[in-house]
Amino acid sequence: MGRFIYDNSSTSVDIEDRVLAHLRIVVMNKLRRAESFMFDVEVGDGSGRRSFWMHPSVAMQFHFFGSRQPRINRLWVEELMQTASGPNGLWIVPEPPEDEAPVTDANPPRA
């Protein structure tokens, strides 16, 4: 279980290392492009949901408790990037199977 720490404060949310690794890639890429966005996440203790304004000027940390780097699912990163670019901001969507290609106009679903 990892931890997302926001604004160098006691504001943090526990998130599984695998999920956190994927979120870190999305956040890093969005902020590198100077694209601010909202990040909504369920609080692990069942006390509700928190929203964070993600901006390059805000300090944040991704603390991983595991010693191994999780395998990255490129399709999941793409889906998370799409949510981060949408009107509701980034939220954790279920991980798709790695062999499942994303549906686009150039890749319509087969009947």
PDB file of N, CA and C in Angstrom:
ATOM      1  N   MET A   1       0.850  -1.177   0.000  1.00  0.00           N
ATOM      2  CA  MET A   1       0.000   0.000   0.000  1.00  0.00           C
ATOM      3  C   MET A   1       0.888   1.229   0.000  1.00  0.00           C
ATOM      4  N   GLY A   2       0.714   2.086  -0.990  1.00  0.00           N
ATOM      5  CA  GLY A   2       1.477   3.318  -1.098  1.00  0.00           C
ATOM      6  C   GLY A   2       0.690   4.489  -0.542  1.00  0.00           C
ATOM      7  N   ARG A   3       1.254   5.664  -0.700  1.00  0.00           N
ATOM      8  CA  ARG A   3       0.593   6.861  -0.175  1.00  0.00           C
ATOM      9  C   ARG A   3       0.841   8.042  -1.103  1.00  0.00           C
ATOM     10  N   PHE A   4      -0.229   8.757  -1.432  1.00  0.00           N
ATOM     11  CA  PHE A   4      -0.143  10.014  -2.173  1.00  0.00           C
ATOM     12  C   PHE A   4      -0.186  11.135  -1.140  1.00  0.00           C
ATOM     13  N   ILE A   5       0.856  11.971  -1.126  1.00  0.00           N
ATOM     14  CA  ILE A   5       0.969  13.059  -0.155  1.00  0.00           C
ATOM     15  C   ILE A   5       0.875  14.372  -0.921  1.00  0.00           C
ATOM     16  N   TYR A   6      -0.039  15.227  -0.493  1.00  0.00           N
ATOM     17  CA  TYR A   6      -0.333  16.467  -1.209  1.00  0.00           C
ATOM     18  C   TYR A   6       0.149  17.681  -0.427  1.00  0.00           C
ATOM     19  N   ASP A   7       0.837  18.577  -1.083  1.00  0.00           N
ATOM     20  CA  ASP A   7       1.234  19.883  -0.556  1.00  0.00           C
ATOM     21  C   ASP A   7       2.117  19.787   0.690  1.00  0.00           C
ATOM     22  N   ASN A   8       3.001  18.793   0.745  1.00  0.00           N
ATOM     23  CA  ASN A   8       3.929  18.628   1.881  1.00  0.00           C
ATOM     24  C   ASN A   8       3.246  18.755   3.236  1.00  0.00           C
ATOM     25  N   SER A   9       2.031  18.266   3.321  1.00  0.00           N
ATOM     26  CA  SER A   9       1.281  18.397   4.567  1.00  0.00           C
ATOM     27  C   SER A   9       0.844  17.032   5.068  1.00  0.00           C
ATOM     28  N   SER A  10      -0.007  17.056   6.035  1.00  0.00           N
ATOM     29  CA  SER A  10      -0.545  15.802   6.553  1.00  0.00           C
ATOM     30  C   SER A  10      -1.687  15.286   5.687  1.00  0.00           C
ATOM     31  N   THR A  11      -1.972  15.973   4.591  1.00  0.00           N
ATOM     32  CA  THR A  11      -3.023  15.533   3.682  1.00  0.00           C
ATOM     33  C   THR A  11      -2.470  14.415   2.805  1.00  0.00           C
ATOM     34  N   SER A  12      -2.983  13.225   3.027  1.00  0.00           N
ATOM     35  CA  SER A  12      -2.500  12.087   2.249  1.00  0.00           C
ATOM     36  C   SER A  12      -3.624  11.073   2.089  1.00  0.00           C
ATOM     37  N   VAL A  13      -3.453  10.217   1.091  1.00  0.00           N
ATOM     38  CA  VAL A  13      -4.412   9.154   0.818  1.00  0.00           C
ATOM     39  C   VAL A  13      -3.617   7.884   0.538  1.00  0.00           C
ATOM     40  N   ASP A  14      -4.014   6.791   1.161  1.00  0.00           N
ATOM     41  CA  ASP A  14      -3.386   5.499   0.898  1.00  0.00           C
ATOM     42  C   ASP A  14      -3.962   4.906  -0.387  1.00  0.00           C
ATOM     43  N   ILE A  15      -3.066   4.492  -1.274  1.00  0.00           N
ATOM     44  CA  ILE A  15      -3.435   3.919  -2.567  1.00  0.00           C
ATOM     45  C   ILE A  15      -2.492   2.748  -2.829  1.00  0.00           C
ATOM     46  N   GLU A  16      -3.019   1.656  -3.346  1.00  0.00           N
ATOM     47  CA  GLU A  16      -2.182   0.500  -3.643  1.00  0.00           C
ATOM     48  C   GLU A  16      -1.032   0.894  -4.577  1.00  0.00           C
ATOM     49  N   ASP A  17       0.148   0.289  -4.358  1.00  0.00           N
ATOM     50  CA  ASP A  17       1.337   0.642  -5.124  1.00  0.00           C
ATOM     51  C   ASP A  17       1.117   0.557  -6.638  1.00  0.00           C
ATOM     52  N   ARG A  18       0.452  -0.489  -7.097  1.00  0.00           N
ATOM     53  CA  ARG A  18       0.239  -0.653  -8.542  1.00  0.00           C
ATOM     54  C   ARG A  18      -0.588   0.490  -9.117  1.00  0.00           C
ATOM     55  N   VAL A  19      -1.649   0.848  -8.423  1.00  0.00           N
ATOM     56  CA  VAL A  19      -2.497   1.968  -8.864  1.00  0.00           C
ATOM     57  C   VAL A  19      -1.699   3.262  -8.794  1.00  0.00           C
ATOM     58  N   LEU A  20      -0.978   3.452  -7.702  1.00  0.00           N
ATOM     59  CA  LEU A  20      -0.203   4.678  -7.502  1.00  0.00           C
ATOM     60  C   LEU A  20       0.856   4.855  -8.592  1.00  0.00           C
ATOM     61  N   ALA A  21       1.477   3.769  -9.025  1.00  0.00           N
ATOM     62  CA  ALA A  21       2.481   3.853 -10.090  1.00  0.00           C
ATOM     63  C   ALA A  21       1.860   4.369 -11.384  1.00  0.00           C
ATOM     64  N   HIS A  22       0.660   3.932 -11.694  1.00  0.00           N
ATOM     65  CA  HIS A  22      -0.027   4.393 -12.898  1.00  0.00           C
ATOM     66  C   HIS A  22      -0.459   5.853 -12.751  1.00  0.00           C
ATOM     67  N   LEU A  23      -0.958   6.214 -11.581  1.00  0.00           N
ATOM     68  CA  LEU A  23      -1.351   7.606 -11.336  1.00  0.00           C
ATOM     69  C   LEU A  23      -0.147   8.542 -11.440  1.00  0.00           C
ATOM     70  N   ARG A  24       0.995   8.099 -10.933  1.00  0.00           N
ATOM     71  CA  ARG A  24       2.209   8.914 -10.985  1.00  0.00           C
ATOM     72  C   ARG A  24       2.580   9.247 -12.429  1.00  0.00           C
ATOM     73  N   ILE A  25       2.472   8.290 -13.319  1.00  0.00           N
ATOM     74  CA  ILE A  25       2.789   8.527 -14.735  1.00  0.00           C
ATOM     75  C   ILE A  25       1.846   9.563 -15.323  1.00  0.00           C
ATOM     76  N   VAL A  26       0.564   9.429 -15.022  1.00  0.00           N
ATOM     77  CA  VAL A  26      -0.435  10.376 -15.552  1.00  0.00           C
ATOM     78  C   VAL A  26      -0.174  11.771 -15.014  1.00  0.00           C
ATOM     79  N   VAL A  27      -0.009  11.887 -13.708  1.00  0.00           N
ATOM     80  CA  VAL A  27       0.228  13.201 -13.092  1.00  0.00           C
ATOM     81  C   VAL A  27       1.502  13.827 -13.648  1.00  0.00           C
ATOM     82  N   MET A  28       2.568  13.045 -13.719  1.00  0.00           N
ATOM     83  CA  MET A  28       3.842  13.545 -14.232  1.00  0.00           C
ATOM     84  C   MET A  28       3.683  14.086 -15.653  1.00  0.00           C
ATOM     85  N   ASN A  29       2.988  13.352 -16.518  1.00  0.00           N
ATOM     86  CA  ASN A  29       2.825  13.790 -17.900  1.00  0.00           C
ATOM     87  C   ASN A  29       1.932  15.018 -18.030  1.00  0.00           C
ATOM     88  N   LYS A  30       0.852  15.064 -17.262  1.00  0.00           N
ATOM     89  CA  LYS A  30      -0.036  16.231 -17.319  1.00  0.00           C
ATOM     90  C   LYS A  30       0.682  17.489 -16.815  1.00  0.00           C
ATOM     91  N   LEU A  31       1.382  17.381 -15.697  1.00  0.00           N
ATOM     92  CA  LEU A  31       2.045  18.552 -15.133  1.00  0.00           C
ATOM     93  C   LEU A  31       3.257  18.972 -15.951  1.00  0.00           C
ATOM     94  N   ARG A  32       3.915  18.013 -16.596  1.00  0.00           N
ATOM     95  CA  ARG A  32       5.035  18.361 -17.482  1.00  0.00           C
ATOM     96  C   ARG A  32       4.550  19.250 -18.629  1.00  0.00           C
ATOM     97  N   ARG A  33       3.305  19.040 -19.033  1.00  0.00           N
ATOM     98  CA  ARG A  33       2.699  19.847 -20.109  1.00  0.00           C
ATOM     99  C   ARG A  33       2.055  21.119 -19.564  1.00  0.00           C
ATOM    100  N   ALA A  34       2.210  21.361 -18.265  1.00  0.00           N
ATOM    101  CA  ALA A  34       1.615  22.516 -17.579  1.00  0.00           C
ATOM    102  C   ALA A  34       0.090  22.482 -17.666  1.00  0.00           C
ATOM    103  N   GLU A  35      -0.484  21.273 -17.600  1.00  0.00           N
ATOM    104  CA  GLU A  35      -1.937  21.089 -17.619  1.00  0.00           C
ATOM    105  C   GLU A  35      -2.414  20.784 -16.203  1.00  0.00           C
ATOM    106  N   SER A  36      -3.080  21.743 -15.587  1.00  0.00           N
ATOM    107  CA  SER A  36      -3.654  21.529 -14.257  1.00  0.00           C
ATOM    108  C   SER A  36      -4.953  20.750 -14.392  1.00  0.00           C
ATOM    109  N   PHE A  37      -5.323  20.031 -13.336  1.00  0.00           N
ATOM    110  CA  PHE A  37      -6.549  19.237 -13.388  1.00  0.00           C
ATOM    111  C   PHE A  37      -6.947  18.840 -11.974  1.00  0.00           C
ATOM    112  N   MET A  38      -8.168  18.353 -11.824  1.00  0.00           N
ATOM    113  CA  MET A  38      -8.674  17.869 -10.548  1.00  0.00           C
ATOM    114  C   MET A  38      -8.420  16.363 -10.457  1.00  0.00           C
ATOM    115  N   PHE A  39      -8.091  15.900  -9.263  1.00  0.00           N
ATOM    116  CA  PHE A  39      -7.890  14.475  -8.993  1.00  0.00           C
ATOM    117  C   PHE A  39      -8.814  14.094  -7.845  1.00  0.00           C
ATOM    118  N   ASP A  40      -9.756  13.208  -8.112  1.00  0.00           N
ATOM    119  CA  ASP A  40     -10.699  12.710  -7.100  1.00  0.00           C
ATOM    120  C   ASP A  40     -10.328  11.282  -6.739  1.00  0.00           C
ATOM    121  N   VAL A  41     -10.339  10.998  -5.440  1.00  0.00           N
ATOM    122  CA  VAL A  41      -9.972   9.656  -4.988  1.00  0.00           C
ATOM    123  C   VAL A  41     -10.785   9.298  -3.749  1.00  0.00           C
ATOM    124  N   GLU A  42     -11.185   8.030  -3.693  1.00  0.00           N
ATOM    125  CA  GLU A  42     -11.886   7.515  -2.511  1.00  0.00           C
ATOM    126  C   GLU A  42     -10.875   7.361  -1.386  1.00  0.00           C
ATOM    127  N   VAL A  43     -11.264   7.765  -0.198  1.00  0.00           N
ATOM    128  CA  VAL A  43     -10.389   7.618   0.965  1.00  0.00           C
ATOM    129  C   VAL A  43     -10.493   6.176   1.445  1.00  0.00           C
ATOM    130  N   GLY A  44      -9.350   5.531   1.668  1.00  0.00           N
ATOM    131  CA  GLY A  44      -9.295   4.116   2.003  1.00  0.00           C
ATOM    132  C   GLY A  44     -10.013   3.722   3.280  1.00  0.00           C
ATOM    133  N   ASP A  45     -10.227   4.671   4.195  1.00  0.00           N
ATOM    134  CA  ASP A  45     -10.873   4.328   5.465  1.00  0.00           C
ATOM    135  C   ASP A  45     -12.392   4.373   5.381  1.00  0.00           C
ATOM    136  N   GLY A  46     -12.922   4.603   4.177  1.00  0.00           N
ATOM    137  CA  GLY A  46     -14.371   4.622   3.990  1.00  0.00           C
ATOM    138  C   GLY A  46     -15.034   5.926   4.394  1.00  0.00           C
ATOM    139  N   SER A  47     -14.236   6.962   4.639  1.00  0.00           N
ATOM    140  CA  SER A  47     -14.794   8.233   5.104  1.00  0.00           C
ATOM    141  C   SER A  47     -15.214   9.169   3.972  1.00  0.00           C
ATOM    142  N   GLY A  48     -15.189   8.689   2.744  1.00  0.00           N
ATOM    143  CA  GLY A  48     -15.650   9.521   1.634  1.00  0.00           C
ATOM    144  C   GLY A  48     -14.621   9.660   0.545  1.00  0.00           C
ATOM    145  N   ARG A  49     -14.615  10.828  -0.057  1.00  0.00           N
ATOM    146  CA  ARG A  49     -13.782  11.099  -1.224  1.00  0.00           C
ATOM    147  C   ARG A  49     -13.067  12.423  -1.022  1.00  0.00           C
ATOM    148  N   ARG A  50     -11.870  12.546  -1.572  1.00  0.00           N
ATOM    149  CA  ARG A  50     -11.128  13.803  -1.537  1.00  0.00           C
ATOM    150  C   ARG A  50     -10.854  14.253  -2.960  1.00  0.00           C
ATOM    151  N   SER A  51     -10.831  15.554  -3.134  1.00  0.00           N
ATOM    152  CA  SER A  51     -10.483  16.147  -4.424  1.00  0.00           C
ATOM    153  C   SER A  51      -9.236  17.002  -4.239  1.00  0.00           C
ATOM    154  N   PHE A  52      -8.290  16.838  -5.152  1.00  0.00           N
ATOM    155  CA  PHE A  52      -7.042  17.601  -5.105  1.00  0.00           C
ATOM    156  C   PHE A  52      -6.886  18.376  -6.406  1.00  0.00           C
ATOM    157  N   TRP A  53      -6.517  19.663  -6.308  1.00  0.00           N
ATOM    158  CA  TRP A  53      -6.219  20.449  -7.489  1.00  0.00           C
ATOM    159  C   TRP A  53      -4.750  20.215  -7.817  1.00  0.00           C
ATOM    160  N   MET A  54      -4.514  19.585  -8.951  1.00  0.00           N
ATOM    161  CA  MET A  54      -3.166  19.225  -9.361  1.00  0.00           C
ATOM    162  C   MET A  54      -2.595  20.346 -10.230  1.00  0.00           C
ATOM    163  N   HIS A  55      -1.550  20.957  -9.738  1.00  0.00           N
ATOM    164  CA  HIS A  55      -0.929  22.103 -10.402  1.00  0.00           C
ATOM    165  C   HIS A  55       0.583  21.994 -10.223  1.00  0.00           C
ATOM    166  N   PRO A  56       1.373  22.421 -11.216  1.00  0.00           N
ATOM    167  CA  PRO A  56       2.830  22.295 -11.103  1.00  0.00           C
ATOM    168  C   PRO A  56       3.429  22.990  -9.879  1.00  0.00           C
ATOM    169  N   SER A  57       2.758  23.994  -9.329  1.00  0.00           N
ATOM    170  CA  SER A  57       3.317  24.718  -8.178  1.00  0.00           C
ATOM    171  C   SER A  57       3.052  24.034  -6.836  1.00  0.00           C
ATOM    172  N   VAL A  58       2.238  22.961  -6.840  1.00  0.00           N
ATOM    173  CA  VAL A  58       1.913  22.260  -5.598  1.00  0.00           C
ATOM    174  C   VAL A  58       2.859  21.083  -5.424  1.00  0.00           C
ATOM    175  N   ALA A  59       3.483  21.020  -4.250  1.00  0.00           N
ATOM    176  CA  ALA A  59       4.379  19.892  -3.959  1.00  0.00           C
ATOM    177  C   ALA A  59       3.555  18.643  -3.669  1.00  0.00           C
ATOM    178  N   MET A  60       3.977  17.534  -4.223  1.00  0.00           N
ATOM    179  CA  MET A  60       3.297  16.271  -3.953  1.00  0.00           C
ATOM    180  C   MET A  60       4.320  15.151  -3.979  1.00  0.00           C
ATOM    181  N   GLN A  61       3.984  14.083  -3.268  1.00  0.00           N
ATOM    182  CA  GLN A  61       4.867  12.924  -3.209  1.00  0.00           C
ATOM    183  C   GLN A  61       4.062  11.661  -3.478  1.00  0.00           C
ATOM    184  N   PHE A  62       4.735  10.699  -4.092  1.00  0.00           N
ATOM    185  CA  PHE A  62       4.171   9.372  -4.304  1.00  0.00           C
ATOM    186  C   PHE A  62       5.070   8.425  -3.524  1.00  0.00           C
ATOM    187  N   HIS A  63       4.589   7.952  -2.395  1.00  0.00           N
ATOM    188  CA  HIS A  63       5.394   7.107  -1.506  1.00  0.00           C
ATOM    189  C   HIS A  63       4.988   5.657  -1.715  1.00  0.00           C
ATOM    190  N   PHE A  64       5.927   4.866  -2.227  1.00  0.00           N
ATOM    191  CA  PHE A  64       5.686   3.451  -2.481  1.00  0.00           C
ATOM    192  C   PHE A  64       6.272   2.637  -1.341  1.00  0.00           C
ATOM    193  N   PHE A  65       5.510   1.695  -0.823  1.00  0.00           N
ATOM    194  CA  PHE A  65       5.982   0.857   0.266  1.00  0.00           C
ATOM    195  C   PHE A  65       6.618  -0.436  -0.236  1.00  0.00           C
ATOM    196  N   GLY A  66       6.248  -0.855  -1.444  1.00  0.00           N
ATOM    197  CA  GLY A  66       6.835  -2.056  -2.010  1.00  0.00           C
ATOM    198  C   GLY A  66       8.228  -1.777  -2.549  1.00  0.00           C
ATOM    199  N   SER A  67       9.046  -2.811  -2.647  1.00  0.00           N
ATOM    200  CA  SER A  67      10.421  -2.633  -3.120  1.00  0.00           C
ATOM    201  C   SER A  67      10.555  -2.814  -4.633  1.00  0.00           C
ATOM    202  N   ARG A  68       9.538  -3.352  -5.272  1.00  0.00           N
ATOM    203  CA  ARG A  68       9.604  -3.593  -6.723  1.00  0.00           C
ATOM    204  C   ARG A  68       8.723  -2.615  -7.475  1.00  0.00           C
ATOM    205  N   GLN A  69       9.219  -2.207  -8.644  1.00  0.00           N
ATOM    206  CA  GLN A  69       8.434  -1.360  -9.538  1.00  0.00           C
ATOM    207  C   GLN A  69       7.326  -2.196 -10.161  1.00  0.00           C
ATOM    208  N   PRO A  70       6.060  -1.798 -10.014  1.00  0.00           N
ATOM    209  CA  PRO A  70       4.970  -2.575 -10.634  1.00  0.00           C
ATOM    210  C   PRO A  70       5.061  -2.542 -12.162  1.00  0.00           C
ATOM    211  N   ARG A  71       4.594  -3.604 -12.792  1.00  0.00           N
ATOM    212  CA  ARG A  71       4.509  -3.649 -14.251  1.00  0.00           C
ATOM    213  C   ARG A  71       3.462  -2.624 -14.700  1.00  0.00           C
ATOM    214  N   ILE A  72       3.768  -1.862 -15.717  1.00  0.00           N
ATOM    215  CA  ILE A  72       2.869  -0.796 -16.173  1.00  0.00           C
ATOM    216  C   ILE A  72       2.008  -1.304 -17.328  1.00  0.00           C
ATOM    217  N   ASN A  73       0.713  -1.069 -17.215  1.00  0.00           N
ATOM    218  CA  ASN A  73      -0.260  -1.407 -18.249  1.00  0.00           C
ATOM    219  C   ASN A  73      -0.506  -0.126 -19.058  1.00  0.00           C
ATOM    220  N   ARG A  74       0.050  -0.093 -20.253  1.00  0.00           N
ATOM    221  CA  ARG A  74      -0.041   1.096 -21.106  1.00  0.00           C
ATOM    222  C   ARG A  74      -1.487   1.489 -21.386  1.00  0.00           C
ATOM    223  N   LEU A  75      -2.368   0.496 -21.565  1.00  0.00           N
ATOM    224  CA  LEU A  75      -3.775   0.794 -21.836  1.00  0.00           C
ATOM    225  C   LEU A  75      -4.435   1.489 -20.644  1.00  0.00           C
ATOM    226  N   TRP A  76      -4.062   1.098 -19.451  1.00  0.00           N
ATOM    227  CA  TRP A  76      -4.615   1.724 -18.254  1.00  0.00           C
ATOM    228  C   TRP A  76      -4.135   3.171 -18.143  1.00  0.00           C
ATOM    229  N   VAL A  77      -2.857   3.389 -18.447  1.00  0.00           N
ATOM    230  CA  VAL A  77      -2.325   4.759 -18.432  1.00  0.00           C
ATOM    231  C   VAL A  77      -3.106   5.619 -19.417  1.00  0.00           C
ATOM    232  N   GLU A  78      -3.376   5.089 -20.611  1.00  0.00           N
ATOM    233  CA  GLU A  78      -4.132   5.845 -21.619  1.00  0.00           C
ATOM    234  C   GLU A  78      -5.536   6.175 -21.127  1.00  0.00           C
ATOM    235  N   GLU A  79      -6.201   5.224 -20.487  1.00  0.00           N
ATOM    236  CA  GLU A  79      -7.547   5.477 -19.974  1.00  0.00           C
ATOM    237  C   GLU A  79      -7.522   6.507 -18.846  1.00  0.00           C
ATOM    238  N   LEU A  80      -6.540   6.410 -17.979  1.00  0.00           N
ATOM    239  CA  LEU A  80      -6.417   7.400 -16.900  1.00  0.00           C
ATOM    240  C   LEU A  80      -6.113   8.788 -17.464  1.00  0.00           C
ATOM    241  N   MET A  81      -5.293   8.863 -18.502  1.00  0.00           N
ATOM    242  CA  MET A  81      -5.001  10.154 -19.150  1.00  0.00           C
ATOM    243  C   MET A  81      -6.273  10.761 -19.734  1.00  0.00           C
ATOM    244  N   GLN A  82      -7.124   9.920 -20.312  1.00  0.00           N
ATOM    245  CA  GLN A  82      -8.378  10.424 -20.867  1.00  0.00           C
ATOM    246  C   GLN A  82      -9.280  10.988 -19.775  1.00  0.00           C
ATOM    247  N   THR A  83      -9.366  10.309 -18.635  1.00  0.00           N
ATOM    248  CA  THR A  83     -10.204  10.846 -17.560  1.00  0.00           C
ATOM    249  C   THR A  83      -9.623  12.157 -17.039  1.00  0.00           C
ATOM    250  N   ALA A  84      -8.292  12.226 -16.910  1.00  0.00           N
ATOM    251  CA  ALA A  84      -7.650  13.449 -16.408  1.00  0.00           C
ATOM    252  C   ALA A  84      -7.908  14.628 -17.334  1.00  0.00           C
ATOM    253  N   SER A  85      -8.067  14.368 -18.616  1.00  0.00           N
ATOM    254  CA  SER A  85      -8.314  15.433 -19.592  1.00  0.00           C
ATOM    255  C   SER A  85      -9.796  15.767 -19.737  1.00  0.00           C
ATOM    256  N   GLY A  86     -10.651  14.994 -19.087  1.00  0.00           N
ATOM    257  CA  GLY A  86     -12.090  15.209 -19.188  1.00  0.00           C
ATOM    258  C   GLY A  86     -12.593  16.266 -18.213  1.00  0.00           C
ATOM    259  N   PRO A  87     -13.873  16.579 -18.285  1.00  0.00           N
ATOM    260  CA  PRO A  87     -14.453  17.645 -17.458  1.00  0.00           C
ATOM    261  C   PRO A  87     -14.472  17.339 -15.964  1.00  0.00           C
ATOM    262  N   ASN A  88     -14.432  16.077 -15.562  1.00  0.00           N
ATOM    263  CA  ASN A  88     -14.454  15.719 -14.142  1.00  0.00           C
ATOM    264  C   ASN A  88     -13.067  15.457 -13.570  1.00  0.00           C
ATOM    265  N   GLY A  89     -12.044  15.488 -14.397  1.00  0.00           N
ATOM    266  CA  GLY A  89     -10.689  15.276 -13.922  1.00  0.00           C
ATOM    267  C   GLY A  89     -10.348  13.808 -13.728  1.00  0.00           C
ATOM    268  N   LEU A  90      -9.195  13.593 -13.125  1.00  0.00           N
ATOM    269  CA  LEU A  90      -8.658  12.250 -12.938  1.00  0.00           C
ATOM    270  C   LEU A  90      -9.371  11.522 -11.808  1.00  0.00           C
ATOM    271  N   TRP A  91      -9.739  10.281 -12.066  1.00  0.00           N
ATOM    272  CA  TRP A  91     -10.267   9.375 -11.047  1.00  0.00           C
ATOM    273  C   TRP A  91      -9.836   7.981 -11.451  1.00  0.00           C
ATOM    274  N   ILE A  92      -9.816   7.087 -10.507  1.00  0.00           N
ATOM    275  CA  ILE A  92      -9.285   5.744 -10.756  1.00  0.00           C
ATOM    276  C   ILE A  92     -10.346   4.889 -11.428  1.00  0.00           C
ATOM    277  N   VAL A  93     -10.064   4.526 -12.677  1.00  0.00           N
ATOM    278  CA  VAL A  93     -10.954   3.643 -13.428  1.00  0.00           C
ATOM    279  C   VAL A  93     -10.405   2.223 -13.309  1.00  0.00           C
ATOM    280  N   PRO A  94     -11.248   1.209 -13.500  1.00  0.00           N
ATOM    281  CA  PRO A  94     -10.761  -0.180 -13.413  1.00  0.00           C
ATOM    282  C   PRO A  94      -9.684  -0.457 -14.462  1.00  0.00           C
ATOM    283  N   GLU A  95      -8.740  -1.297 -14.097  1.00  0.00           N
ATOM    284  CA  GLU A  95      -7.664  -1.649 -15.021  1.00  0.00           C
ATOM    285  C   GLU A  95      -8.184  -2.560 -16.122  1.00  0.00           C
ATOM    286  N   PRO A  96      -7.957  -2.183 -17.400  1.00  0.00           N
ATOM    287  CA  PRO A  96      -8.373  -3.063 -18.502  1.00  0.00           C
ATOM    288  C   PRO A  96      -7.364  -4.190 -18.695  1.00  0.00           C
ATOM    289  N   PRO A  97      -7.797  -5.293 -19.284  1.00  0.00           N
ATOM    290  CA  PRO A  97      -6.826  -6.343 -19.622  1.00  0.00           C
ATOM    291  C   PRO A  97      -5.790  -5.777 -20.586  1.00  0.00           C
ATOM    292  N   GLU A  98      -4.551  -6.198 -20.459  1.00  0.00           N
ATOM    293  CA  GLU A  98      -3.484  -5.637 -21.290  1.00  0.00           C
ATOM    294  C   GLU A  98      -3.611  -5.990 -22.759  1.00  0.00           C
ATOM    295  N   ASP A  99      -4.283  -7.086 -23.078  1.00  0.00           N
ATOM    296  CA  ASP A  99      -4.411  -7.472 -24.480  1.00  0.00           C
ATOM    297  C   ASP A  99      -5.606  -6.821 -25.152  1.00  0.00           C
ATOM    298  N   GLU A 100      -6.364  -6.028 -24.419  1.00  0.00           N
ATOM    299  CA  GLU A 100      -7.549  -5.375 -24.963  1.00  0.00           C
ATOM    300  C   GLU A 100      -7.160  -4.008 -25.517  1.00  0.00           C
ATOM    301  N   ALA A 101      -7.338  -3.818 -26.811  1.00  0.00           N
ATOM    302  CA  ALA A 101      -7.005  -2.536 -27.430  1.00  0.00           C
ATOM    303  C   ALA A 101      -8.109  -1.524 -27.147  1.00  0.00           C
ATOM    304  N   PRO A 102      -7.758  -0.246 -26.920  1.00  0.00           N
ATOM    305  CA  PRO A 102      -8.780   0.766 -26.694  1.00  0.00           C
ATOM    306  C   PRO A 102      -9.631   0.960 -27.949  1.00  0.00           C
ATOM    307  N   VAL A 103     -10.905   1.244 -27.766  1.00  0.00           N
ATOM    308  CA  VAL A 103     -11.819   1.445 -28.886  1.00  0.00           C
ATOM    309  C   VAL A 103     -11.664   2.866 -29.396  1.00  0.00           C
ATOM    310  N   THR A 104     -11.363   3.008 -30.699  1.00  0.00           N
ATOM    311  CA  THR A 104     -11.274   4.308 -31.354  1.00  0.00           C
ATOM    312  C   THR A 104     -12.016   4.205 -32.672  1.00  0.00           C
ATOM    313  N   ASP A 105     -12.147   5.326 -33.362  1.00  0.00           N
ATOM    314  CA  ASP A 105     -12.799   5.309 -34.671  1.00  0.00           C
ATOM    315  C   ASP A 105     -12.029   4.437 -35.651  1.00  0.00           C
ATOM    316  N   ALA A 106     -10.699   4.395 -35.489  1.00  0.00           N
ATOM    317  CA  ALA A 106      -9.880   3.579 -36.393  1.00  0.00           C
ATOM    318  C   ALA A 106      -9.900   2.105 -35.978  1.00  0.00           C
ATOM    319  N   ASN A 107     -10.413   1.816 -34.793  1.00  0.00           N
ATOM    320  CA  ASN A 107     -10.428   0.452 -34.280  1.00  0.00           C
ATOM    321  C   ASN A 107     -11.804   0.152 -33.702  1.00  0.00           C
ATOM    322  N   PRO A 108     -12.845   0.050 -34.557  1.00  0.00           N
ATOM    323  CA  PRO A 108     -14.216  -0.179 -34.050  1.00  0.00           C
ATOM    324  C   PRO A 108     -14.360  -1.568 -33.441  1.00  0.00           C
ATOM    325  N   PRO A 109     -15.285  -1.735 -32.494  1.00  0.00           N
ATOM    326  CA  PRO A 109     -15.495  -3.063 -31.915  1.00  0.00           C
ATOM    327  C   PRO A 109     -16.011  -4.042 -32.965  1.00  0.00           C
ATOM    328  N   ARG A 110     -15.622  -5.307 -32.828  1.00  0.00           N
ATOM    329  CA  ARG A 110     -16.079  -6.331 -33.777  1.00  0.00           C
ATOM    330  C   ARG A 110     -17.417  -6.871 -33.316  1.00  0.00           C
ATOM    331  N   ALA A 111     -18.265  -7.139 -34.274  1.00  0.00           N
ATOM    332  CA  ALA A 111     -19.593  -7.673 -33.968  1.00  0.00           C
ATOM    333  C   ALA A 111     -19.577  -9.167 -33.868  1.00  0.00           C
TER     334      ALA A 111
END
